[in-house]
Amino acid sequence: MRGYLFVLGAALLWASSATIGKSLFAEGVTPVELAQVRSLLGSLGLALALAVLSRDRLRVRPQDLPWFLLLGGAVMALVQLAYFFTIEAIQVAAAILIQYTSPVLVVVFSALFLKDPMTPAKLAALVLALGGCFLVVGGLETDLADINLRGLGWGIAASISFSAYTLLGERLMHRYSPWTVLLYTLLFAAITCHAVDPSLAYLTEGRDPSQWARMAYVAILGTAVPFGLYFAGIDHIRASRASITASSEPIFAGGIAFVLLGETLEWLQILGGLLVVGAVVLLQLKHERDQHTPRGIRESQAG
């Protein structure tokens, strides 16, 4: 039970962070600024915590630095920028739901390039996710010309880049603690985000204490703390079950955005959200079942 509570806590913090980010955008803070502050304060906070609690996790091998540079400076930077641009353009819950199609994209990539067979369950998840995403952006209720293409485009970019982060991050997590990977990806992402806009507007434009408090919330309570809760949850329950439990994030986000921002989803958007979450659950249940099936049986089933 404790593991599920940890993961639910992580999902709640991630969802609240997205809603707070939306409130900042309404007050003139840009997605680039928030990405800069989140990655910078998040990496500095993690570095300080690891220096005190587990200094060994600060060390990385020089030959692995190019991988961290790719994962953080390119992929993580794009994840954050695309994610915040999506939240700025469309409803918070819809933005998160589009990003939740990333596990399906990982399946497609694995089928195309890693020789992982496309099973009926994976194909069903793909159809559910694509159909759900179409409904979430209002595909049946508006003309195609009226769909928020900017929000949809950034959402797809966030989903693709998060899929790439999943695949590349898994490679590095075979060698390093998840905390080490998170620290250096945030650090290199901070460098890239500041290169995109070196004006340091969040310092020069006189953000008020309330805005700084909310930006700090996004950086610490919306990044480092929920990842800690999520990793702690995985220690108590299987990773697949943790992923399924984390699918509650869009539900939390919709509720928080409704209370704080007055955002609402139409019933077709809610249906689309259920389809996306259903696709994620289907994939994770299949992954868990495969982990407990002897290899020979799996191979015969795939054949």
C-alpha atoms as a PDB file:
ATOM      1  CA  MET A   1       0.000   0.000   0.000  1.00  0.00           C
ATOM      2  CA  ARG A   2       2.842   2.387   0.842  1.00  0.00           C
ATOM      3  CA  GLY A   3       4.305   2.069  -2.657  1.00  0.00           C
ATOM      4  CA  TYR A   4       1.014   3.059  -4.286  1.00  0.00           C
ATOM      5  CA  LEU A   5       0.723   6.079  -1.969  1.00  0.00           C
ATOM      6  CA  PHE A   6       4.244   7.199  -2.933  1.00  0.00           C
ATOM      7  CA  VAL A   7       3.396   7.036  -6.642  1.00  0.00           C
ATOM      8  CA  LEU A   8       0.046   8.767  -6.171  1.00  0.00           C
ATOM      9  CA  GLY A   9       1.871  11.522  -4.287  1.00  0.00           C
ATOM     10  CA  ALA A  10       4.272  11.899  -7.197  1.00  0.00           C
ATOM     11  CA  ALA A  11       1.396  12.079  -9.698  1.00  0.00           C
ATOM     12  CA  LEU A  12      -0.356  14.708  -7.575  1.00  0.00           C
ATOM     13  CA  LEU A  13       2.776  16.883  -7.377  1.00  0.00           C
ATOM     14  CA  TRP A  14       3.434  16.599 -11.113  1.00  0.00           C
ATOM     15  CA  ALA A  15      -0.170  17.552 -11.841  1.00  0.00           C
ATOM     16  CA  SER A  16      -0.123  20.527  -9.458  1.00  0.00           C
ATOM     17  CA  SER A  17       3.165  21.674 -10.968  1.00  0.00           C
ATOM     18  CA  ALA A  18       1.619  21.772 -14.444  1.00  0.00           C
ATOM     19  CA  THR A  19      -1.341  23.813 -13.195  1.00  0.00           C
ATOM     20  CA  ILE A  20       0.957  26.259 -11.400  1.00  0.00           C
ATOM     21  CA  GLY A  21       2.979  26.582 -14.588  1.00  0.00           C
ATOM     22  CA  LYS A  22      -0.194  27.507 -16.483  1.00  0.00           C
ATOM     23  CA  SER A  23      -0.961  30.233 -13.913  1.00  0.00           C
ATOM     24  CA  LEU A  24       2.534  31.661 -14.407  1.00  0.00           C
ATOM     25  CA  PHE A  25       2.091  31.768 -18.183  1.00  0.00           C
ATOM     26  CA  ALA A  26      -1.117  33.767 -17.699  1.00  0.00           C
ATOM     27  CA  GLU A  27       0.949  36.357 -15.795  1.00  0.00           C
ATOM     28  CA  GLY A  28       3.586  36.788 -18.478  1.00  0.00           C
ATOM     29  CA  VAL A  29       6.196  34.209 -17.495  1.00  0.00           C
ATOM     30  CA  THR A  30       7.251  32.441 -20.688  1.00  0.00           C
ATOM     31  CA  PRO A  31       7.662  28.669 -21.136  1.00  0.00           C
ATOM     32  CA  VAL A  32      11.366  29.242 -21.833  1.00  0.00           C
ATOM     33  CA  GLU A  33      11.797  31.123 -18.557  1.00  0.00           C
ATOM     34  CA  LEU A  34      10.036  28.417 -16.572  1.00  0.00           C
ATOM     35  CA  ALA A  35      12.121  25.713 -18.262  1.00  0.00           C
ATOM     36  CA  GLN A  36      15.265  27.683 -17.392  1.00  0.00           C
ATOM     37  CA  VAL A  37      14.339  28.087 -13.733  1.00  0.00           C
ATOM     38  CA  ARG A  38      13.039  24.521 -13.375  1.00  0.00           C
ATOM     39  CA  SER A  39      16.140  22.880 -14.834  1.00  0.00           C
ATOM     40  CA  LEU A  40      18.582  25.216 -13.066  1.00  0.00           C
ATOM     41  CA  LEU A  41      17.040  25.148  -9.583  1.00  0.00           C
ATOM     42  CA  GLY A  42      16.168  21.459  -9.921  1.00  0.00           C
ATOM     43  CA  SER A  43      19.744  20.476 -10.809  1.00  0.00           C
ATOM     44  CA  LEU A  44      21.260  22.695  -8.096  1.00  0.00           C
ATOM     45  CA  GLY A  45      18.872  21.329  -5.481  1.00  0.00           C
ATOM     46  CA  LEU A  46      19.647  17.730  -6.472  1.00  0.00           C
ATOM     47  CA  ALA A  47      23.385  18.409  -6.504  1.00  0.00           C
ATOM     48  CA  LEU A  48      23.209  19.819  -2.984  1.00  0.00           C
ATOM     49  CA  ALA A  49      21.133  16.893  -1.716  1.00  0.00           C
ATOM     50  CA  LEU A  50      23.480  14.306  -3.252  1.00  0.00           C
ATOM     51  CA  ALA A  51      26.562  16.133  -1.970  1.00  0.00           C
ATOM     52  CA  VAL A  52      25.180  15.772   1.565  1.00  0.00           C
ATOM     53  CA  LEU A  53      23.519  12.352   1.374  1.00  0.00           C
ATOM     54  CA  SER A  54      25.314  10.346  -1.305  1.00  0.00           C
ATOM     55  CA  ARG A  55      28.385  12.023  -2.774  1.00  0.00           C
ATOM     56  CA  ASP A  56      29.328   8.954  -4.839  1.00  0.00           C
ATOM     57  CA  ARG A  57      26.298   9.570  -7.032  1.00  0.00           C
ATOM     58  CA  LEU A  58      27.813  12.834  -8.249  1.00  0.00           C
ATOM     59  CA  ARG A  59      30.547  10.963 -10.117  1.00  0.00           C
ATOM     60  CA  VAL A  60      30.238   9.995 -13.770  1.00  0.00           C
ATOM     61  CA  ARG A  61      32.799   8.511 -16.120  1.00  0.00           C
ATOM     62  CA  PRO A  62      34.235  10.974 -18.685  1.00  0.00           C
ATOM     63  CA  GLN A  63      33.413   8.606 -21.563  1.00  0.00           C
ATOM     64  CA  ASP A  64      29.719   8.796 -20.608  1.00  0.00           C
ATOM     65  CA  LEU A  65      29.553  12.595 -20.708  1.00  0.00           C
ATOM     66  CA  PRO A  66      28.539  12.681 -24.413  1.00  0.00           C
ATOM     67  CA  TRP A  67      25.510  10.499 -23.551  1.00  0.00           C
ATOM     68  CA  PHE A  68      24.555  12.855 -20.706  1.00  0.00           C
ATOM     69  CA  LEU A  69      25.040  15.812 -23.040  1.00  0.00           C
ATOM     70  CA  LEU A  70      22.737  14.222 -25.630  1.00  0.00           C
ATOM     71  CA  LEU A  71      20.133  13.163 -23.078  1.00  0.00           C
ATOM     72  CA  GLY A  72      20.111  16.437 -21.141  1.00  0.00           C
ATOM     73  CA  GLY A  73      21.286  19.127 -23.531  1.00  0.00           C
ATOM     74  CA  ALA A  74      19.114  17.962 -26.421  1.00  0.00           C
ATOM     75  CA  VAL A  75      16.361  15.577 -25.325  1.00  0.00           C
ATOM     76  CA  MET A  76      15.510  16.806 -21.814  1.00  0.00           C
ATOM     77  CA  ALA A  77      15.670  20.432 -22.933  1.00  0.00           C
ATOM     78  CA  LEU A  78      13.180  19.691 -25.716  1.00  0.00           C
ATOM     79  CA  VAL A  79      10.969  17.707 -23.313  1.00  0.00           C
ATOM     80  CA  GLN A  80      10.670  20.683 -20.973  1.00  0.00           C
ATOM     81  CA  LEU A  81      10.247  23.367 -23.618  1.00  0.00           C
ATOM     82  CA  ALA A  82       7.668  21.381 -25.613  1.00  0.00           C
ATOM     83  CA  TYR A  83       5.797  20.386 -22.439  1.00  0.00           C
ATOM     84  CA  PHE A  84       5.490  23.967 -21.191  1.00  0.00           C
ATOM     85  CA  PHE A  85       4.570  25.348 -24.635  1.00  0.00           C
ATOM     86  CA  THR A  86       1.801  22.710 -24.793  1.00  0.00           C
ATOM     87  CA  ILE A  87       0.457  23.676 -21.373  1.00  0.00           C
ATOM     88  CA  GLU A  88       0.513  27.340 -22.393  1.00  0.00           C
ATOM     89  CA  ALA A  89      -1.520  26.617 -25.537  1.00  0.00           C
ATOM     90  CA  ILE A  90      -4.198  24.126 -24.385  1.00  0.00           C
ATOM     91  CA  GLN A  91      -5.854  22.812 -21.220  1.00  0.00           C
ATOM     92  CA  VAL A  92      -3.496  21.369 -18.623  1.00  0.00           C
ATOM     93  CA  ALA A  93      -5.119  17.922 -18.549  1.00  0.00           C
ATOM     94  CA  ALA A  94      -5.189  17.718 -22.356  1.00  0.00           C
ATOM     95  CA  ALA A  95      -1.501  18.639 -22.549  1.00  0.00           C
ATOM     96  CA  ILE A  96      -0.543  15.919 -20.076  1.00  0.00           C
ATOM     97  CA  LEU A  97      -2.728  13.369 -21.841  1.00  0.00           C
ATOM     98  CA  ILE A  98      -0.991  14.003 -25.174  1.00  0.00           C
ATOM     99  CA  GLN A  99       2.393  13.455 -23.518  1.00  0.00           C
ATOM    100  CA  TYR A 100       1.036  10.216 -22.062  1.00  0.00           C
ATOM    101  CA  THR A 101       1.057   8.742 -25.567  1.00  0.00           C
ATOM    102  CA  SER A 102       4.858   8.428 -25.220  1.00  0.00           C
ATOM    103  CA  PRO A 103       4.781   4.736 -24.096  1.00  0.00           C
ATOM    104  CA  VAL A 104       2.947   3.927 -27.323  1.00  0.00           C
ATOM    105  CA  LEU A 105       5.617   5.737 -29.348  1.00  0.00           C
ATOM    106  CA  VAL A 106       8.271   3.687 -27.559  1.00  0.00           C
ATOM    107  CA  VAL A 107       6.426   0.544 -28.649  1.00  0.00           C
ATOM    108  CA  VAL A 108       6.324   1.748 -32.273  1.00  0.00           C
ATOM    109  CA  PHE A 109      10.026   2.633 -32.232  1.00  0.00           C
ATOM    110  CA  SER A 110      10.894  -0.738 -30.715  1.00  0.00           C
ATOM    111  CA  ALA A 111       8.865  -2.537 -33.379  1.00  0.00           C
ATOM    112  CA  LEU A 112      10.481  -0.596 -36.230  1.00  0.00           C
ATOM    113  CA  PHE A 113      14.099  -0.490 -35.104  1.00  0.00           C
ATOM    114  CA  LEU A 114      14.654  -2.921 -32.219  1.00  0.00           C
ATOM    115  CA  LYS A 115      12.921  -5.979 -33.717  1.00  0.00           C
ATOM    116  CA  ASP A 116      10.363  -6.079 -30.918  1.00  0.00           C
ATOM    117  CA  PRO A 117       7.254  -7.657 -32.512  1.00  0.00           C
ATOM    118  CA  MET A 118       4.036  -5.637 -32.804  1.00  0.00           C
ATOM    119  CA  THR A 119       1.573  -7.881 -30.964  1.00  0.00           C
ATOM    120  CA  PRO A 120      -2.228  -7.496 -31.045  1.00  0.00           C
ATOM    121  CA  ALA A 121      -2.140  -5.943 -27.564  1.00  0.00           C
ATOM    122  CA  LYS A 122       0.420  -3.338 -28.672  1.00  0.00           C
ATOM    123  CA  LEU A 123      -1.551  -2.586 -31.825  1.00  0.00           C
ATOM    124  CA  ALA A 124      -4.722  -2.140 -29.759  1.00  0.00           C
ATOM    125  CA  ALA A 125      -2.871   0.250 -27.434  1.00  0.00           C
ATOM    126  CA  LEU A 126      -1.659   2.229 -30.453  1.00  0.00           C
ATOM    127  CA  VAL A 127      -5.204   2.588 -31.821  1.00  0.00           C
ATOM    128  CA  LEU A 128      -6.566   3.567 -28.390  1.00  0.00           C
ATOM    129  CA  ALA A 129      -3.854   6.187 -27.864  1.00  0.00           C
ATOM    130  CA  LEU A 130      -4.220   7.781 -31.303  1.00  0.00           C
ATOM    131  CA  GLY A 131      -8.010   7.810 -31.083  1.00  0.00           C
ATOM    132  CA  GLY A 132      -7.876   9.223 -27.560  1.00  0.00           C
ATOM    133  CA  CYS A 133      -5.427  11.941 -28.570  1.00  0.00           C
ATOM    134  CA  PHE A 134      -7.740  12.939 -31.467  1.00  0.00           C
ATOM    135  CA  LEU A 135     -10.648  13.297 -29.051  1.00  0.00           C
ATOM    136  CA  VAL A 136      -8.600  15.154 -26.434  1.00  0.00           C
ATOM    137  CA  VAL A 137      -7.763  17.952 -28.892  1.00  0.00           C
ATOM    138  CA  GLY A 138     -11.432  18.225 -29.894  1.00  0.00           C
ATOM    139  CA  GLY A 139     -11.155  16.450 -33.219  1.00  0.00           C
ATOM    140  CA  LEU A 140     -14.848  15.517 -33.381  1.00  0.00           C
ATOM    141  CA  GLU A 141     -16.251  18.774 -32.046  1.00  0.00           C
ATOM    142  CA  THR A 142     -14.450  21.354 -34.205  1.00  0.00           C
ATOM    143  CA  ASP A 143     -13.412  21.793 -37.819  1.00  0.00           C
ATOM    144  CA  LEU A 144      -9.844  20.719 -38.508  1.00  0.00           C
ATOM    145  CA  ALA A 145      -8.986  24.343 -39.228  1.00  0.00           C
ATOM    146  CA  ASP A 146     -10.110  25.344 -35.730  1.00  0.00           C
ATOM    147  CA  ILE A 147      -8.046  22.759 -33.828  1.00  0.00           C
ATOM    148  CA  ASN A 148      -5.247  24.337 -31.808  1.00  0.00           C
ATOM    149  CA  LEU A 149      -2.482  23.096 -34.084  1.00  0.00           C
ATOM    150  CA  ARG A 150       0.173  24.900 -32.061  1.00  0.00           C
ATOM    151  CA  GLY A 151      -0.801  23.075 -28.899  1.00  0.00           C
ATOM    152  CA  LEU A 152      -1.152  19.779 -30.745  1.00  0.00           C
ATOM    153  CA  GLY A 153       2.221  20.198 -32.447  1.00  0.00           C
ATOM    154  CA  TRP A 154       4.034  20.999 -29.226  1.00  0.00           C
ATOM    155  CA  GLY A 155       2.217  18.143 -27.498  1.00  0.00           C
ATOM    156  CA  ILE A 156       3.400  15.683 -30.125  1.00  0.00           C
ATOM    157  CA  ALA A 157       6.929  17.076 -29.816  1.00  0.00           C
ATOM    158  CA  ALA A 158       6.741  16.603 -26.033  1.00  0.00           C
ATOM    159  CA  SER A 159       5.551  13.028 -26.446  1.00  0.00           C
ATOM    160  CA  ILE A 160       8.255  12.139 -28.992  1.00  0.00           C
ATOM    161  CA  SER A 161      11.040  13.738 -26.974  1.00  0.00           C
ATOM    162  CA  PHE A 162       9.837  12.071 -23.762  1.00  0.00           C
ATOM    163  CA  SER A 163       9.878   8.737 -25.596  1.00  0.00           C
ATOM    164  CA  ALA A 164      13.480   9.409 -26.610  1.00  0.00           C
ATOM    165  CA  TYR A 165      14.296  10.319 -23.000  1.00  0.00           C
ATOM    166  CA  THR A 166      12.797   7.011 -21.850  1.00  0.00           C
ATOM    167  CA  LEU A 167      14.887   4.973 -24.293  1.00  0.00           C
ATOM    168  CA  LEU A 168      18.175   6.840 -23.781  1.00  0.00           C
ATOM    169  CA  GLY A 169      17.664   7.251 -20.031  1.00  0.00           C
ATOM    170  CA  GLU A 170      17.176   3.516 -19.637  1.00  0.00           C
ATOM    171  CA  ARG A 171      20.601   2.989 -21.199  1.00  0.00           C
ATOM    172  CA  LEU A 172      22.275   5.278 -18.663  1.00  0.00           C
ATOM    173  CA  MET A 173      20.299   3.885 -15.733  1.00  0.00           C
ATOM    174  CA  HIS A 174      21.977   0.531 -16.345  1.00  0.00           C
ATOM    175  CA  ARG A 175      25.194   2.225 -15.174  1.00  0.00           C
ATOM    176  CA  TYR A 176      24.079   5.001 -12.829  1.00  0.00           C
ATOM    177  CA  SER A 177      21.494   5.757 -10.168  1.00  0.00           C
ATOM    178  CA  PRO A 178      18.309   7.423 -11.471  1.00  0.00           C
ATOM    179  CA  TRP A 179      19.275  10.408  -9.302  1.00  0.00           C
ATOM    180  CA  THR A 180      22.596  10.777 -11.112  1.00  0.00           C
ATOM    181  CA  VAL A 181      20.881  10.596 -14.486  1.00  0.00           C
ATOM    182  CA  LEU A 182      18.230  13.132 -13.434  1.00  0.00           C
ATOM    183  CA  LEU A 183      20.833  15.526 -12.010  1.00  0.00           C
ATOM    184  CA  TYR A 184      23.018  15.705 -15.095  1.00  0.00           C
ATOM    185  CA  THR A 185      20.164  15.716 -17.588  1.00  0.00           C
ATOM    186  CA  LEU A 186      18.620  18.684 -15.764  1.00  0.00           C
ATOM    187  CA  LEU A 187      22.006  20.416 -15.593  1.00  0.00           C
ATOM    188  CA  PHE A 188      22.706  20.069 -19.316  1.00  0.00           C
ATOM    189  CA  ALA A 189      19.083  20.989 -20.068  1.00  0.00           C
ATOM    190  CA  ALA A 190      19.592  24.198 -18.065  1.00  0.00           C
ATOM    191  CA  ILE A 191      22.603  25.076 -20.229  1.00  0.00           C
ATOM    192  CA  THR A 192      20.628  24.537 -23.436  1.00  0.00           C
ATOM    193  CA  CYS A 193      17.573  26.454 -22.206  1.00  0.00           C
ATOM    194  CA  HIS A 194      19.773  29.432 -21.302  1.00  0.00           C
ATOM    195  CA  ALA A 195      21.470  29.233 -24.704  1.00  0.00           C
ATOM    196  CA  VAL A 196      18.040  29.402 -26.386  1.00  0.00           C
ATOM    197  CA  ASP A 197      17.345  32.683 -24.553  1.00  0.00           C
ATOM    198  CA  PRO A 198      20.419  34.152 -22.789  1.00  0.00           C
ATOM    199  CA  SER A 199      18.570  37.309 -21.733  1.00  0.00           C
ATOM    200  CA  LEU A 200      17.943  36.016 -18.179  1.00  0.00           C
ATOM    201  CA  ALA A 201      14.506  37.657 -18.350  1.00  0.00           C
ATOM    202  CA  TYR A 202      13.389  35.910 -15.163  1.00  0.00           C
ATOM    203  CA  LEU A 203      16.032  37.989 -13.340  1.00  0.00           C
ATOM    204  CA  THR A 204      15.874  41.249 -15.279  1.00  0.00           C
ATOM    205  CA  GLU A 205      12.100  41.672 -15.569  1.00  0.00           C
ATOM    206  CA  GLY A 206      11.468  41.810 -11.835  1.00  0.00           C
ATOM    207  CA  ARG A 207       9.365  38.762 -11.108  1.00  0.00           C
ATOM    208  CA  ASP A 208       7.445  39.222  -7.858  1.00  0.00           C
ATOM    209  CA  PRO A 209       7.845  36.978  -4.767  1.00  0.00           C
ATOM    210  CA  SER A 210       4.668  35.052  -5.571  1.00  0.00           C
ATOM    211  CA  GLN A 211       5.959  34.172  -9.027  1.00  0.00           C
ATOM    212  CA  TRP A 212       9.360  33.161  -7.646  1.00  0.00           C
ATOM    213  CA  ALA A 213       7.680  30.968  -5.041  1.00  0.00           C
ATOM    214  CA  ARG A 214       5.639  29.218  -7.727  1.00  0.00           C
ATOM    215  CA  MET A 215       8.655  28.794 -10.004  1.00  0.00           C
ATOM    216  CA  ALA A 216      10.583  27.289  -7.083  1.00  0.00           C
ATOM    217  CA  TYR A 217       7.623  24.968  -6.454  1.00  0.00           C
ATOM    218  CA  VAL A 218       7.764  23.753 -10.061  1.00  0.00           C
ATOM    219  CA  ALA A 219      11.519  23.209  -9.792  1.00  0.00           C
ATOM    220  CA  ILE A 220      11.635  21.408  -6.441  1.00  0.00           C
ATOM    221  CA  LEU A 221       8.188  20.072  -5.509  1.00  0.00           C
ATOM    222  CA  GLY A 222       7.279  19.580  -9.164  1.00  0.00           C
ATOM    223  CA  THR A 223      10.516  17.847 -10.180  1.00  0.00           C
ATOM    224  CA  ALA A 224      12.936  16.513  -7.558  1.00  0.00           C
ATOM    225  CA  VAL A 225      10.434  15.508  -4.852  1.00  0.00           C
ATOM    226  CA  PRO A 226       7.948  13.651  -7.103  1.00  0.00           C
ATOM    227  CA  PHE A 227      10.773  11.749  -8.789  1.00  0.00           C
ATOM    228  CA  GLY A 228      11.940  10.748  -5.315  1.00  0.00           C
ATOM    229  CA  LEU A 229       8.462   9.540  -4.399  1.00  0.00           C
ATOM    230  CA  TYR A 230       8.166   7.695  -7.715  1.00  0.00           C
ATOM    231  CA  PHE A 231      11.507   5.898  -7.238  1.00  0.00           C
ATOM    232  CA  ALA A 232      10.526   5.052  -3.652  1.00  0.00           C
ATOM    233  CA  GLY A 233       7.251   3.641  -4.941  1.00  0.00           C
ATOM    234  CA  ILE A 234       9.089   1.420  -7.430  1.00  0.00           C
ATOM    235  CA  ASP A 235      11.097   0.025  -4.507  1.00  0.00           C
ATOM    236  CA  HIS A 236       7.821  -1.241  -2.974  1.00  0.00           C
ATOM    237  CA  ILE A 237       5.855  -2.238  -6.086  1.00  0.00           C
ATOM    238  CA  ARG A 238       6.816  -3.303  -9.575  1.00  0.00           C
ATOM    239  CA  ALA A 239       7.788  -0.601 -12.083  1.00  0.00           C
ATOM    240  CA  SER A 240       4.872  -1.578 -14.346  1.00  0.00           C
ATOM    241  CA  ARG A 241       2.387  -1.122 -11.490  1.00  0.00           C
ATOM    242  CA  ALA A 242       4.007   2.201 -10.606  1.00  0.00           C
ATOM    243  CA  SER A 243       3.577   3.356 -14.219  1.00  0.00           C
ATOM    244  CA  ILE A 244      -0.091   2.380 -14.186  1.00  0.00           C
ATOM    245  CA  THR A 245      -0.643   4.193 -10.886  1.00  0.00           C
ATOM    246  CA  ALA A 246       1.112   7.289 -12.268  1.00  0.00           C
ATOM    247  CA  SER A 247      -1.539   7.375 -15.014  1.00  0.00           C
ATOM    248  CA  SER A 248      -3.688   9.133 -12.423  1.00  0.00           C
ATOM    249  CA  GLU A 249      -1.705  12.328 -13.138  1.00  0.00           C
ATOM    250  CA  PRO A 250      -4.053  13.643 -15.884  1.00  0.00           C
ATOM    251  CA  ILE A 251      -7.030  13.046 -13.591  1.00  0.00           C
ATOM    252  CA  PHE A 252      -5.380  15.031 -10.796  1.00  0.00           C
ATOM    253  CA  ALA A 253      -4.382  17.719 -13.306  1.00  0.00           C
ATOM    254  CA  GLY A 254      -7.933  18.080 -14.594  1.00  0.00           C
ATOM    255  CA  GLY A 255      -9.313  18.434 -11.071  1.00  0.00           C
ATOM    256  CA  ILE A 256      -6.681  20.947  -9.933  1.00  0.00           C
ATOM    257  CA  ALA A 257      -6.959  22.999 -13.143  1.00  0.00           C
ATOM    258  CA  PHE A 258     -10.754  23.089 -12.716  1.00  0.00           C
ATOM    259  CA  VAL A 259     -10.499  24.363  -9.119  1.00  0.00           C
ATOM    260  CA  LEU A 260      -7.656  26.860  -9.635  1.00  0.00           C
ATOM    261  CA  LEU A 261      -8.057  27.930 -13.270  1.00  0.00           C
ATOM    262  CA  GLY A 262     -11.655  27.098 -14.122  1.00  0.00           C
ATOM    263  CA  GLU A 263     -10.583  24.823 -16.988  1.00  0.00           C
ATOM    264  CA  THR A 264     -13.053  22.172 -18.082  1.00  0.00           C
ATOM    265  CA  LEU A 265     -12.976  19.247 -20.497  1.00  0.00           C
ATOM    266  CA  GLU A 266     -15.876  18.286 -22.744  1.00  0.00           C
ATOM    267  CA  TRP A 267     -17.238  14.762 -22.379  1.00  0.00           C
ATOM    268  CA  LEU A 268     -15.578  13.647 -25.647  1.00  0.00           C
ATOM    269  CA  GLN A 269     -12.243  14.945 -24.336  1.00  0.00           C
ATOM    270  CA  ILE A 270     -12.782  12.977 -21.138  1.00  0.00           C
ATOM    271  CA  LEU A 271     -13.543   9.887 -23.216  1.00  0.00           C
ATOM    272  CA  GLY A 272     -10.350  10.491 -25.171  1.00  0.00           C
ATOM    273  CA  GLY A 273      -8.416  10.782 -21.936  1.00  0.00           C
ATOM    274  CA  LEU A 274      -9.782   7.457 -20.758  1.00  0.00           C
ATOM    275  CA  LEU A 275      -8.673   5.878 -24.043  1.00  0.00           C
ATOM    276  CA  VAL A 276      -5.124   7.247 -23.641  1.00  0.00           C
ATOM    277  CA  VAL A 277      -4.892   6.065 -20.039  1.00  0.00           C
ATOM    278  CA  GLY A 278      -6.355   2.726 -21.114  1.00  0.00           C
ATOM    279  CA  ALA A 279      -3.622   2.360 -23.744  1.00  0.00           C
ATOM    280  CA  VAL A 280      -0.919   2.995 -21.119  1.00  0.00           C
ATOM    281  CA  VAL A 281      -2.483   0.523 -18.691  1.00  0.00           C
ATOM    282  CA  LEU A 282      -2.784  -2.113 -21.440  1.00  0.00           C
ATOM    283  CA  LEU A 283       0.904  -1.777 -22.330  1.00  0.00           C
ATOM    284  CA  GLN A 284       2.047  -1.921 -18.721  1.00  0.00           C
ATOM    285  CA  LEU A 285      -0.110  -4.951 -17.920  1.00  0.00           C
ATOM    286  CA  LYS A 286       1.324  -6.741 -20.952  1.00  0.00           C
ATOM    287  CA  HIS A 287       4.851  -5.803 -19.840  1.00  0.00           C
ATOM    288  CA  GLU A 288       4.188  -7.182 -16.365  1.00  0.00           C
ATOM    289  CA  ARG A 289       2.704 -10.391 -17.792  1.00  0.00           C
ATOM    290  CA  ASP A 290       5.698 -10.847 -20.120  1.00  0.00           C
ATOM    291  CA  GLN A 291       8.092 -10.467 -17.176  1.00  0.00           C
ATOM    292  CA  HIS A 292       6.443 -13.444 -15.486  1.00  0.00           C
ATOM    293  CA  THR A 293       6.216 -15.656 -18.595  1.00  0.00           C
ATOM    294  CA  PRO A 294       9.126 -18.037 -19.276  1.00  0.00           C
ATOM    295  CA  ARG A 295      11.238 -16.894 -22.211  1.00  0.00           C
ATOM    296  CA  GLY A 296      10.562 -19.990 -24.320  1.00  0.00           C
ATOM    297  CA  ILE A 297       6.808 -19.510 -24.014  1.00  0.00           C
ATOM    298  CA  ARG A 298       7.118 -15.833 -24.959  1.00  0.00           C
ATOM    299  CA  GLU A 299       9.112 -16.704 -28.057  1.00  0.00           C
ATOM    300  CA  SER A 300       6.582 -19.324 -29.132  1.00  0.00           C
ATOM    301  CA  GLN A 301       3.743 -16.841 -28.612  1.00  0.00           C
ATOM    302  CA  ALA A 302       5.578 -14.203 -30.650  1.00  0.00           C
ATOM    303  CA  GLY A 303       6.151 -16.738 -33.417  1.00  0.00           C
END
